[in-house]
């Protein structure tokens, strides 16, 4: 059963302020940049080795999801996270490209 804090907002309710607030943290920006490859990534893995505790990564994933940037897909015990790229590109054209190109 999904908890209320696991819900992602409808894309119509996603605001630019919340998106920018979420990616203002360097780790969350790096997560978005990693997810920009279009693939779903497991929540565990060396690609998330940012030198912080697992609980801190959980906080970052939750913040991105609640801001509307990502979705978490649960299949049994496996959790993957993916960027809501198509929806975000439609709502904020060019934003994801701006966040994921360049050196940040």
Protein backbone atom coordinates (compact mmCIF):
# COMPACT_ATOMS: atom_id res chain seq x y z
CA UNK A 1 0.00 0.00 0.00
CA UNK A 2 1.37 3.42 -0.98
CA UNK A 3 1.82 6.00 1.71
CA UNK A 4 0.44 9.49 1.16
CA UNK A 5 3.95 10.98 1.12
CA UNK A 6 4.84 8.58 -1.72
CA UNK A 7 2.37 10.24 -4.08
CA UNK A 8 3.62 12.38 -6.94
CA UNK A 9 1.61 15.43 -7.91
CA UNK A 10 -0.41 15.69 -11.08
CA UNK A 11 1.74 17.47 -13.66
CA UNK A 12 -0.80 20.32 -13.82
CA UNK A 13 -0.05 21.03 -10.15
CA UNK A 14 3.74 21.08 -10.57
CA UNK A 15 5.13 24.60 -10.23
CA UNK A 16 8.39 26.03 -11.52
CA UNK A 17 9.19 27.25 -8.01
CA UNK A 18 8.96 23.75 -6.54
CA UNK A 19 10.96 22.23 -9.39
CA UNK A 20 13.74 24.79 -9.01
CA UNK A 21 13.70 24.47 -5.23
CA UNK A 22 14.12 20.70 -5.58
CA UNK A 23 17.06 20.89 -8.00
CA UNK A 24 18.79 23.66 -6.04
CA UNK A 25 20.48 20.91 -4.02
CA UNK A 26 23.57 19.62 -5.87
CA UNK A 27 22.81 15.96 -5.15
CA UNK A 28 19.25 16.25 -6.41
CA UNK A 29 20.48 18.01 -9.54
CA UNK A 30 22.93 15.15 -10.11
CA UNK A 31 20.07 12.66 -9.69
CA UNK A 32 18.05 14.50 -12.35
CA UNK A 33 21.08 14.58 -14.64
CA UNK A 34 21.55 10.82 -14.20
CA UNK A 35 17.87 10.14 -14.87
CA UNK A 36 17.92 12.29 -18.01
CA UNK A 37 19.20 9.27 -19.93
CA UNK A 38 15.55 8.17 -20.15
CA UNK A 39 15.99 4.88 -18.32
CA UNK A 40 14.48 3.78 -15.04
CA UNK A 41 17.21 3.37 -12.42
CA UNK A 42 17.05 1.17 -9.36
CA UNK A 43 17.13 3.12 -6.11
CA UNK A 44 20.14 1.06 -5.08
CA UNK A 45 23.28 1.04 -7.15
CA UNK A 46 26.70 2.51 -7.64
CA UNK A 47 25.29 5.27 -9.88
CA UNK A 48 23.92 6.82 -6.64
CA UNK A 49 27.23 6.68 -4.79
CA UNK A 50 27.27 10.35 -3.74
CA UNK A 51 28.92 9.75 -0.39
CA UNK A 52 25.79 10.19 1.73
CA UNK A 53 23.76 7.80 3.87
CA UNK A 54 20.93 5.74 2.41
CA UNK A 55 18.42 7.72 4.50
CA UNK A 56 19.71 10.95 2.96
CA UNK A 57 19.25 9.51 -0.54
CA UNK A 58 15.72 8.48 0.43
CA UNK A 59 15.05 12.10 1.41
CA UNK A 60 16.41 13.35 -1.94
CA UNK A 61 14.32 10.86 -3.93
CA UNK A 62 11.21 11.85 -1.96
CA UNK A 63 11.85 15.57 -2.50
CA UNK A 64 12.20 15.10 -6.25
CA UNK A 65 9.04 12.99 -6.40
CA UNK A 66 7.00 15.43 -4.32
CA UNK A 67 8.20 18.32 -6.52
CA UNK A 68 6.88 16.40 -9.54
CA UNK A 69 10.22 15.68 -11.20
CA UNK A 70 10.29 11.91 -10.80
CA UNK A 71 8.09 8.87 -10.42
CA UNK A 72 8.89 5.78 -8.42
CA UNK A 73 7.77 2.44 -9.81
CA UNK A 74 7.39 -0.40 -7.33
CA UNK A 75 7.42 -3.98 -8.58
CA UNK A 76 7.53 -6.35 -5.66
CA UNK A 77 10.63 -5.49 -3.68
CA UNK A 78 12.20 -3.55 -6.53
CA UNK A 79 11.93 0.24 -6.61
CA UNK A 80 12.98 2.17 -9.68
CA UNK A 81 12.97 5.89 -10.21
CA UNK A 82 12.57 7.71 -13.51
CA UNK A 83 12.37 11.28 -14.68
CA UNK A 84 8.94 12.46 -15.81
CA UNK A 85 10.68 13.84 -18.90
CA UNK A 86 7.82 13.93 -21.41
CA UNK A 87 5.43 15.54 -18.94
CA UNK A 88 8.01 18.05 -17.75
CA UNK A 89 9.03 18.96 -21.30
CA UNK A 90 5.39 19.65 -22.14
CA UNK A 91 4.84 21.74 -18.99
CA UNK A 92 8.19 23.59 -18.95
CA UNK A 93 9.73 23.42 -22.46
CA UNK A 94 13.52 23.44 -22.38
CA UNK A 95 13.86 23.25 -18.59
CA UNK A 96 15.18 19.70 -18.35
CA UNK A 97 17.61 20.32 -21.20
CA UNK A 98 18.87 23.42 -19.39
CA UNK A 99 19.33 21.44 -16.15
CA UNK A 100 21.07 18.49 -17.76
CA UNK A 101 23.43 20.13 -20.23
CA UNK A 102 26.52 22.00 -19.23
CA UNK A 103 28.53 21.55 -16.09
CA UNK A 104 25.89 22.57 -13.53
